[in-house]
Amino acid sequence: RGAGRALLAGRALPAVPGSCPRRGCGEVAALRAMGFSQEQARRLLALQPRLGPEHREAAAAQLLLLGLSTEAALALLERSPALLRLPTERLRERAEELRRLGLDGGRAALGGAGGTPGP
């Protein structure tokens, strides 16, 4: 199901081993492995609660790969929770397009004349 695993840079990071008496704690461990604090992970879990963990993890991973901080990624997902419902492949495509257009470290890189990306 993807719970307890985080996809970051194409690699699976195992969650903290051990039994989990509560639903969602494997997902918390996966988000923590990506760099989110316990509180940030809880806030992220509160978004779209019926959504499977793989959607939250994939969305968070793509935002982190764009260079956003965990706080910026969480703020974006809180403002636009619909991002969590996007199919993983669509989210990956959008992130790749942003990288192609020059988003680096969460900031748009200036290119070409007047800040317009070149061809």
N, C-alpha and C. Protein backbone atom coordinates (compact mmCIF):
# COMPACT_ATOMS: atom_id res chain seq x y z
N ARG A 1 0.79 -1.21 0.00
CA ARG A 1 0.00 0.00 0.00
C ARG A 1 0.83 1.26 0.00
N GLY A 2 2.11 1.15 0.22
CA GLY A 2 2.93 2.35 0.20
C GLY A 2 3.10 2.95 1.58
N ALA A 3 2.30 2.53 2.56
CA ALA A 3 2.44 3.07 3.91
C ALA A 3 3.78 2.62 4.46
N GLY A 4 4.50 3.55 5.06
CA GLY A 4 5.78 3.20 5.63
C GLY A 4 6.93 3.31 4.65
N ARG A 5 6.67 3.70 3.45
CA ARG A 5 7.74 3.87 2.46
C ARG A 5 7.58 5.25 1.84
N ALA A 6 8.68 5.91 1.64
CA ALA A 6 8.65 7.23 1.02
C ALA A 6 9.47 7.18 -0.25
N LEU A 7 8.94 7.70 -1.31
CA LEU A 7 9.68 7.74 -2.57
C LEU A 7 10.35 9.10 -2.66
N LEU A 8 11.66 9.07 -2.61
CA LEU A 8 12.42 10.30 -2.70
C LEU A 8 13.60 10.02 -3.60
N ALA A 9 13.71 10.77 -4.67
CA ALA A 9 14.78 10.60 -5.64
C ALA A 9 14.79 9.19 -6.21
N GLY A 10 13.60 8.61 -6.39
CA GLY A 10 13.49 7.30 -7.00
C GLY A 10 13.89 6.16 -6.09
N ARG A 11 14.09 6.42 -4.81
CA ARG A 11 14.51 5.37 -3.88
C ARG A 11 13.48 5.22 -2.79
N ALA A 12 13.30 4.03 -2.33
CA ALA A 12 12.37 3.76 -1.24
C ALA A 12 13.12 3.84 0.07
N LEU A 13 12.61 4.63 0.99
CA LEU A 13 13.20 4.73 2.32
C LEU A 13 12.32 3.96 3.28
N PRO A 14 12.86 2.96 3.97
CA PRO A 14 12.02 2.20 4.88
C PRO A 14 11.61 3.04 6.08
N ALA A 15 10.44 2.78 6.56
CA ALA A 15 9.96 3.46 7.75
C ALA A 15 10.65 2.87 8.96
N VAL A 16 10.50 3.52 10.08
CA VAL A 16 11.06 3.02 11.32
C VAL A 16 10.44 1.67 11.62
N PRO A 17 11.26 0.63 11.83
CA PRO A 17 10.71 -0.69 12.07
C PRO A 17 10.00 -0.77 13.41
N GLY A 18 9.16 -1.76 13.54
CA GLY A 18 8.45 -1.98 14.80
C GLY A 18 6.97 -2.02 14.56
N SER A 19 6.26 -2.53 15.55
CA SER A 19 4.81 -2.60 15.41
C SER A 19 4.20 -1.24 15.63
N CYS A 20 3.04 -1.06 15.03
CA CYS A 20 2.37 0.23 15.10
C CYS A 20 0.93 0.01 15.52
N PRO A 21 0.57 0.41 16.72
CA PRO A 21 -0.80 0.17 17.19
C PRO A 21 -1.83 1.09 16.56
N ARG A 22 -1.40 2.22 16.00
CA ARG A 22 -2.35 3.18 15.44
C ARG A 22 -2.26 3.21 13.94
N ARG A 23 -3.40 3.45 13.32
CA ARG A 23 -3.44 3.62 11.87
C ARG A 23 -2.72 4.91 11.49
N GLY A 24 -1.90 4.84 10.47
CA GLY A 24 -1.23 6.04 9.97
C GLY A 24 0.15 6.28 10.54
N CYS A 25 0.58 5.52 11.55
CA CYS A 25 1.89 5.82 12.12
C CYS A 25 3.02 5.40 11.18
N GLY A 26 2.79 4.41 10.31
CA GLY A 26 3.78 4.07 9.30
C GLY A 26 3.96 5.22 8.33
N GLU A 27 2.87 5.88 8.03
CA GLU A 27 2.93 7.04 7.14
C GLU A 27 3.67 8.19 7.82
N VAL A 28 3.43 8.38 9.11
CA VAL A 28 4.16 9.41 9.86
C VAL A 28 5.65 9.12 9.79
N ALA A 29 6.03 7.87 9.98
CA ALA A 29 7.45 7.49 9.93
C ALA A 29 8.03 7.78 8.55
N ALA A 30 7.27 7.49 7.50
CA ALA A 30 7.74 7.75 6.14
C ALA A 30 7.93 9.24 5.91
N LEU A 31 6.99 10.05 6.37
CA LEU A 31 7.10 11.50 6.22
C LEU A 31 8.26 12.03 7.05
N ARG A 32 8.47 11.47 8.23
CA ARG A 32 9.60 11.88 9.07
C ARG A 32 10.92 11.54 8.37
N ALA A 33 10.96 10.39 7.69
CA ALA A 33 12.17 10.00 6.96
C ALA A 33 12.48 10.97 5.83
N MET A 34 11.45 11.65 5.33
CA MET A 34 11.65 12.66 4.27
C MET A 34 12.10 13.99 4.85
N GLY A 35 12.04 14.14 6.16
CA GLY A 35 12.49 15.38 6.79
C GLY A 35 11.41 16.19 7.47
N PHE A 36 10.16 15.74 7.40
CA PHE A 36 9.07 16.46 8.08
C PHE A 36 9.16 16.20 9.58
N SER A 37 8.84 17.20 10.37
CA SER A 37 8.78 17.03 11.82
C SER A 37 7.53 16.23 12.17
N GLN A 38 7.44 15.78 13.41
CA GLN A 38 6.26 15.04 13.86
C GLN A 38 5.00 15.90 13.67
N GLU A 39 5.07 17.17 14.04
CA GLU A 39 3.92 18.07 13.91
C GLU A 39 3.56 18.29 12.44
N GLN A 40 4.56 18.49 11.59
CA GLN A 40 4.30 18.67 10.16
C GLN A 40 3.67 17.42 9.57
N ALA A 41 4.15 16.26 9.96
CA ALA A 41 3.58 15.00 9.47
C ALA A 41 2.12 14.88 9.89
N ARG A 42 1.81 15.24 11.11
CA ARG A 42 0.42 15.19 11.57
C ARG A 42 -0.47 16.16 10.79
N ARG A 43 0.05 17.36 10.53
CA ARG A 43 -0.72 18.33 9.73
C ARG A 43 -0.97 17.81 8.33
N LEU A 44 0.05 17.18 7.75
CA LEU A 44 -0.07 16.62 6.41
C LEU A 44 -1.08 15.47 6.39
N LEU A 45 -1.08 14.65 7.42
CA LEU A 45 -2.05 13.55 7.51
C LEU A 45 -3.48 14.06 7.62
N ALA A 46 -3.66 15.23 8.19
CA ALA A 46 -5.00 15.79 8.35
C ALA A 46 -5.59 16.26 7.02
N LEU A 47 -4.73 16.47 6.02
CA LEU A 47 -5.21 16.89 4.70
C LEU A 47 -5.75 15.68 3.96
N GLN A 48 -6.93 15.78 3.42
CA GLN A 48 -7.52 14.71 2.63
C GLN A 48 -7.40 13.37 3.37
N PRO A 49 -8.00 13.24 4.55
CA PRO A 49 -7.80 12.05 5.39
C PRO A 49 -8.21 10.72 4.75
N ARG A 50 -9.10 10.73 3.79
CA ARG A 50 -9.52 9.48 3.15
C ARG A 50 -8.58 9.04 2.03
N LEU A 51 -7.63 9.88 1.72
CA LEU A 51 -6.69 9.58 0.65
C LEU A 51 -5.69 8.54 1.12
N GLY A 52 -5.26 7.69 0.21
CA GLY A 52 -4.25 6.68 0.54
C GLY A 52 -2.91 7.34 0.83
N PRO A 53 -2.10 6.72 1.65
CA PRO A 53 -0.82 7.31 2.03
C PRO A 53 0.12 7.53 0.85
N GLU A 54 0.01 6.69 -0.18
CA GLU A 54 0.92 6.85 -1.31
C GLU A 54 0.75 8.19 -2.01
N HIS A 55 -0.46 8.76 -2.01
CA HIS A 55 -0.69 10.06 -2.64
C HIS A 55 0.01 11.17 -1.85
N ARG A 56 -0.14 11.14 -0.53
CA ARG A 56 0.50 12.17 0.30
C ARG A 56 2.02 12.07 0.18
N GLU A 57 2.54 10.86 0.26
CA GLU A 57 3.99 10.67 0.19
C GLU A 57 4.54 11.09 -1.17
N ALA A 58 3.85 10.73 -2.24
CA ALA A 58 4.31 11.09 -3.58
C ALA A 58 4.29 12.61 -3.78
N ALA A 59 3.21 13.26 -3.33
CA ALA A 59 3.12 14.72 -3.47
C ALA A 59 4.22 15.40 -2.67
N ALA A 60 4.42 14.97 -1.44
CA ALA A 60 5.46 15.56 -0.60
C ALA A 60 6.84 15.34 -1.23
N ALA A 61 7.09 14.13 -1.72
CA ALA A 61 8.39 13.83 -2.33
C ALA A 61 8.66 14.71 -3.54
N GLN A 62 7.66 14.89 -4.41
CA GLN A 62 7.86 15.71 -5.60
C GLN A 62 8.16 17.16 -5.23
N LEU A 63 7.48 17.68 -4.21
CA LEU A 63 7.73 19.07 -3.79
C LEU A 63 9.12 19.21 -3.19
N LEU A 64 9.54 18.22 -2.43
CA LEU A 64 10.88 18.26 -1.85
C LEU A 64 11.95 18.15 -2.94
N LEU A 65 11.67 17.33 -3.95
CA LEU A 65 12.62 17.20 -5.06
C LEU A 65 12.75 18.49 -5.86
N LEU A 66 11.72 19.32 -5.81
CA LEU A 66 11.79 20.64 -6.47
C LEU A 66 12.66 21.61 -5.68
N GLY A 67 13.02 21.22 -4.47
CA GLY A 67 13.88 22.07 -3.65
C GLY A 67 13.14 22.85 -2.59
N LEU A 68 11.84 22.58 -2.44
CA LEU A 68 11.10 23.27 -1.39
C LEU A 68 11.49 22.70 -0.03
N SER A 69 11.44 23.53 0.98
CA SER A 69 11.65 23.05 2.35
C SER A 69 10.41 22.29 2.78
N THR A 70 10.52 21.54 3.86
CA THR A 70 9.35 20.80 4.34
C THR A 70 8.23 21.77 4.73
N GLU A 71 8.59 22.89 5.32
CA GLU A 71 7.56 23.87 5.72
C GLU A 71 6.88 24.47 4.50
N ALA A 72 7.66 24.81 3.46
CA ALA A 72 7.08 25.37 2.24
C ALA A 72 6.20 24.34 1.53
N ALA A 73 6.65 23.09 1.49
CA ALA A 73 5.87 22.03 0.85
C ALA A 73 4.55 21.83 1.59
N LEU A 74 4.60 21.81 2.91
CA LEU A 74 3.39 21.65 3.71
C LEU A 74 2.45 22.83 3.50
N ALA A 75 2.98 24.04 3.51
CA ALA A 75 2.16 25.23 3.31
C ALA A 75 1.46 25.19 1.95
N LEU A 76 2.18 24.76 0.92
CA LEU A 76 1.60 24.65 -0.41
C LEU A 76 0.47 23.63 -0.43
N LEU A 77 0.69 22.48 0.19
CA LEU A 77 -0.34 21.44 0.23
C LEU A 77 -1.54 21.86 1.07
N GLU A 78 -1.31 22.65 2.10
CA GLU A 78 -2.43 23.15 2.91
C GLU A 78 -3.25 24.17 2.11
N ARG A 79 -2.57 24.99 1.30
CA ARG A 79 -3.29 25.97 0.47
C ARG A 79 -3.98 25.31 -0.71
N SER A 80 -3.39 24.24 -1.23
CA SER A 80 -3.92 23.57 -2.42
C SER A 80 -3.98 22.06 -2.19
N PRO A 81 -4.89 21.60 -1.32
CA PRO A 81 -4.96 20.17 -1.02
C PRO A 81 -5.36 19.32 -2.22
N ALA A 82 -5.89 19.93 -3.27
CA ALA A 82 -6.25 19.18 -4.47
C ALA A 82 -5.01 18.55 -5.11
N LEU A 83 -3.82 19.10 -4.84
CA LEU A 83 -2.60 18.50 -5.37
C LEU A 83 -2.44 17.06 -4.90
N LEU A 84 -2.97 16.77 -3.72
CA LEU A 84 -2.86 15.42 -3.17
C LEU A 84 -3.68 14.40 -3.96
N ARG A 85 -4.70 14.88 -4.64
CA ARG A 85 -5.57 13.97 -5.40
C ARG A 85 -5.07 13.70 -6.82
N LEU A 86 -4.07 14.46 -7.26
CA LEU A 86 -3.52 14.23 -8.60
C LEU A 86 -2.89 12.85 -8.67
N PRO A 87 -3.06 12.17 -9.79
CA PRO A 87 -2.36 10.90 -9.96
C PRO A 87 -0.84 11.14 -9.86
N THR A 88 -0.14 10.18 -9.29
CA THR A 88 1.30 10.32 -9.06
C THR A 88 2.04 10.67 -10.34
N GLU A 89 1.71 10.03 -11.44
CA GLU A 89 2.41 10.29 -12.70
C GLU A 89 2.17 11.72 -13.17
N ARG A 90 0.96 12.22 -13.01
CA ARG A 90 0.64 13.61 -13.40
C ARG A 90 1.44 14.60 -12.55
N LEU A 91 1.53 14.32 -11.26
CA LEU A 91 2.29 15.17 -10.36
C LEU A 91 3.77 15.16 -10.75
N ARG A 92 4.29 14.01 -11.10
CA ARG A 92 5.68 13.89 -11.52
C ARG A 92 5.91 14.69 -12.80
N GLU A 93 4.96 14.62 -13.74
CA GLU A 93 5.08 15.37 -15.00
C GLU A 93 5.09 16.87 -14.74
N ARG A 94 4.21 17.32 -13.85
CA ARG A 94 4.16 18.76 -13.54
C ARG A 94 5.45 19.22 -12.88
N ALA A 95 5.99 18.40 -11.98
CA ALA A 95 7.24 18.75 -11.32
C ALA A 95 8.38 18.81 -12.33
N GLU A 96 8.41 17.86 -13.25
CA GLU A 96 9.44 17.85 -14.29
C GLU A 96 9.34 19.10 -15.17
N GLU A 97 8.12 19.50 -15.49
CA GLU A 97 7.91 20.71 -16.30
C GLU A 97 8.44 21.94 -15.56
N LEU A 98 8.19 22.03 -14.27
CA LEU A 98 8.70 23.16 -13.49
C LEU A 98 10.23 23.16 -13.47
N ARG A 99 10.83 21.99 -13.33
CA ARG A 99 12.29 21.90 -13.37
C ARG A 99 12.81 22.34 -14.74
N ARG A 100 12.12 21.90 -15.80
CA ARG A 100 12.52 22.26 -17.16
C ARG A 100 12.45 23.77 -17.37
N LEU A 101 11.47 24.40 -16.74
CA LEU A 101 11.29 25.85 -16.88
C LEU A 101 12.23 26.65 -15.97
N GLY A 102 13.00 25.95 -15.15
CA GLY A 102 14.02 26.63 -14.38
C GLY A 102 13.74 26.78 -12.90
N LEU A 103 12.79 26.06 -12.37
CA LEU A 103 12.57 26.13 -10.93
C LEU A 103 13.72 25.39 -10.27
N ASP A 104 14.44 26.08 -9.43
CA ASP A 104 15.60 25.49 -8.78
C ASP A 104 15.59 25.89 -7.32
N GLY A 105 15.59 24.92 -6.44
CA GLY A 105 15.60 25.23 -5.02
C GLY A 105 14.35 25.96 -4.57
N GLY A 106 13.22 25.73 -5.27
CA GLY A 106 11.99 26.39 -4.90
C GLY A 106 11.87 27.80 -5.44
N ARG A 107 12.86 28.22 -6.23
CA ARG A 107 12.82 29.57 -6.81
C ARG A 107 12.98 29.47 -8.31
N ALA A 108 12.33 30.34 -9.02
CA ALA A 108 12.44 30.35 -10.48
C ALA A 108 13.80 30.93 -10.84
N ALA A 109 14.51 30.22 -11.68
CA ALA A 109 15.80 30.71 -12.17
C ALA A 109 15.54 31.62 -13.36
N LEU A 110 16.24 32.73 -13.41
CA LEU A 110 16.09 33.66 -14.54
C LEU A 110 16.91 33.15 -15.70
N GLY A 111 16.30 33.14 -16.86
CA GLY A 111 17.02 32.69 -18.05
C GLY A 111 16.53 33.47 -19.24
N GLY A 112 17.35 33.64 -20.23
CA GLY A 112 16.92 34.37 -21.42
C GLY A 112 16.71 35.84 -21.11
N ALA A 113 16.27 36.59 -22.07
CA ALA A 113 16.04 38.02 -21.89
C ALA A 113 14.79 38.26 -21.08
N GLY A 114 14.89 39.15 -20.12
CA GLY A 114 13.72 39.54 -19.34
C GLY A 114 13.21 38.43 -18.44
N GLY A 115 14.05 37.43 -18.13
CA GLY A 115 13.63 36.37 -17.24
C GLY A 115 12.78 35.30 -17.90
N THR A 116 12.66 35.37 -19.23
CA THR A 116 11.87 34.37 -19.95
C THR A 116 12.75 33.18 -20.24
N PRO A 117 12.30 31.96 -19.89
CA PRO A 117 13.12 30.79 -20.20
C PRO A 117 13.37 30.67 -21.68
N GLY A 118 14.56 30.23 -22.03
CA GLY A 118 14.93 30.08 -23.43
C GLY A 118 14.22 28.88 -24.04
N PRO A 119 14.37 28.67 -25.35
CA PRO A 119 13.71 27.57 -26.05
C PRO A 119 14.19 26.21 -25.63
